[in-house]
Amino acid sequence: MGIAASFNSNGESIDVGITPKNNYSPAVVSFRTFTDCINLHLTDEQIAEAAYVFNQYLDGIRYPETPDQQQILNAEINQSIEEAIA
């Protein structure tokens, strides 16, 4: 069985939760807004794969409030070089 669904939060906050598996059902991952809810019945392996994909995406985000350590280091090195030349 296959299904395609779209979930657009339109900027609303999203509540995410996982209901652990039991003898009758796999774990359920829920994405909820004030008006909508999607429940995904997933195996532990599928949840792990989804977590990996989310983490890969998050690792690629550059947060503006986090200083770029490489740029800071390069600026300090360039300043030291200029001071040594002068």
Protein backbone atom coordinates (compact mmCIF):
# COMPACT_ATOMS: atom_id res chain seq x y z
CA MET A 1 0.00 0.00 0.00
CA GLY A 2 1.35 3.45 -0.85
CA ILE A 3 0.30 6.94 0.02
CA ALA A 4 1.60 10.42 -0.65
CA ALA A 5 0.90 13.24 1.77
CA SER A 6 1.97 16.83 2.14
CA PHE A 7 2.32 18.58 5.47
CA ASN A 8 2.76 22.36 5.47
CA SER A 9 2.95 23.95 8.89
CA ASN A 10 2.66 27.50 7.47
CA GLY A 11 5.04 28.74 10.15
CA GLU A 12 3.09 27.20 13.03
CA SER A 13 5.10 25.48 15.71
CA ILE A 14 5.35 21.73 15.29
CA ASP A 15 5.11 19.19 18.09
CA VAL A 16 7.02 16.01 17.31
CA GLY A 17 6.65 12.89 19.38
CA ILE A 18 7.33 9.18 19.31
CA THR A 19 5.04 6.61 20.85
CA PRO A 20 7.11 3.50 21.58
CA LYS A 21 6.31 0.24 19.86
CA ASN A 22 4.29 -2.39 21.66
CA ASN A 23 3.17 -5.95 20.97
CA TYR A 24 0.48 -4.79 18.54
CA SER A 25 1.97 -1.79 16.74
CA PRO A 26 5.33 -0.43 15.62
CA ALA A 27 6.52 2.90 16.99
CA VAL A 28 4.49 5.91 15.88
CA VAL A 29 6.21 9.19 14.97
CA SER A 30 3.76 12.11 15.17
CA PHE A 31 4.06 15.56 13.64
CA ARG A 32 1.34 17.89 14.96
CA THR A 33 0.29 21.48 14.48
CA PHE A 34 -2.76 23.17 15.92
CA THR A 35 -4.86 22.03 12.96
CA ASP A 36 -3.15 18.95 11.50
CA CYS A 37 -1.47 15.71 12.49
CA ILE A 38 0.49 13.07 10.61
CA ASN A 39 1.32 9.74 12.26
CA LEU A 40 4.01 7.54 10.76
CA HIS A 41 4.08 3.89 11.85
CA LEU A 42 7.76 3.00 11.54
CA THR A 43 10.22 0.32 12.55
CA ASP A 44 13.20 1.27 14.70
CA GLU A 45 15.43 0.97 11.63
CA GLN A 46 13.25 3.40 9.67
CA ILE A 47 13.29 5.89 12.56
CA ALA A 48 17.09 5.60 12.73
CA GLU A 49 17.35 6.24 8.98
CA ALA A 50 15.06 9.29 9.24
CA ALA A 51 17.10 10.60 12.19
CA TYR A 52 20.28 10.19 10.16
CA VAL A 53 18.80 12.18 7.26
CA PHE A 54 17.58 14.95 9.60
CA ASN A 55 21.00 15.14 11.27
CA GLN A 56 22.79 15.30 7.91
CA TYR A 57 20.58 18.23 6.94
CA LEU A 58 21.10 20.00 10.27
CA ASP A 59 24.87 19.54 10.08
CA GLY A 60 24.83 21.43 6.78
CA ILE A 61 23.05 24.50 8.16
CA ARG A 62 25.20 27.49 9.03
CA TYR A 63 23.64 29.37 11.89
CA PRO A 64 24.22 33.14 11.63
CA GLU A 65 24.70 33.54 15.38
CA THR A 66 27.53 30.98 15.38
CA PRO A 67 30.85 32.60 14.45
CA ASP A 68 32.76 30.94 11.65
CA GLN A 69 35.79 29.58 13.48
CA GLN A 70 37.82 29.19 10.30
CA GLN A 71 37.29 32.85 9.37
CA ILE A 72 38.33 33.95 12.88
CA LEU A 73 41.45 31.80 12.70
CA ASN A 74 42.35 33.12 9.23
CA ALA A 75 41.91 36.73 10.40
CA GLU A 76 44.16 36.12 13.41
CA ILE A 77 46.83 34.47 11.23
CA ASN A 78 46.69 37.30 8.67
CA GLN A 79 46.98 39.88 11.45
CA SER A 80 49.99 38.08 12.93
CA ILE A 81 51.65 37.92 9.50
CA GLU A 82 51.04 41.63 8.91
CA GLU A 83 52.46 42.50 12.36
CA ALA A 84 55.53 40.35 11.72
CA ILE A 85 56.15 42.05 8.35
CA ALA A 86 55.71 45.58 9.76
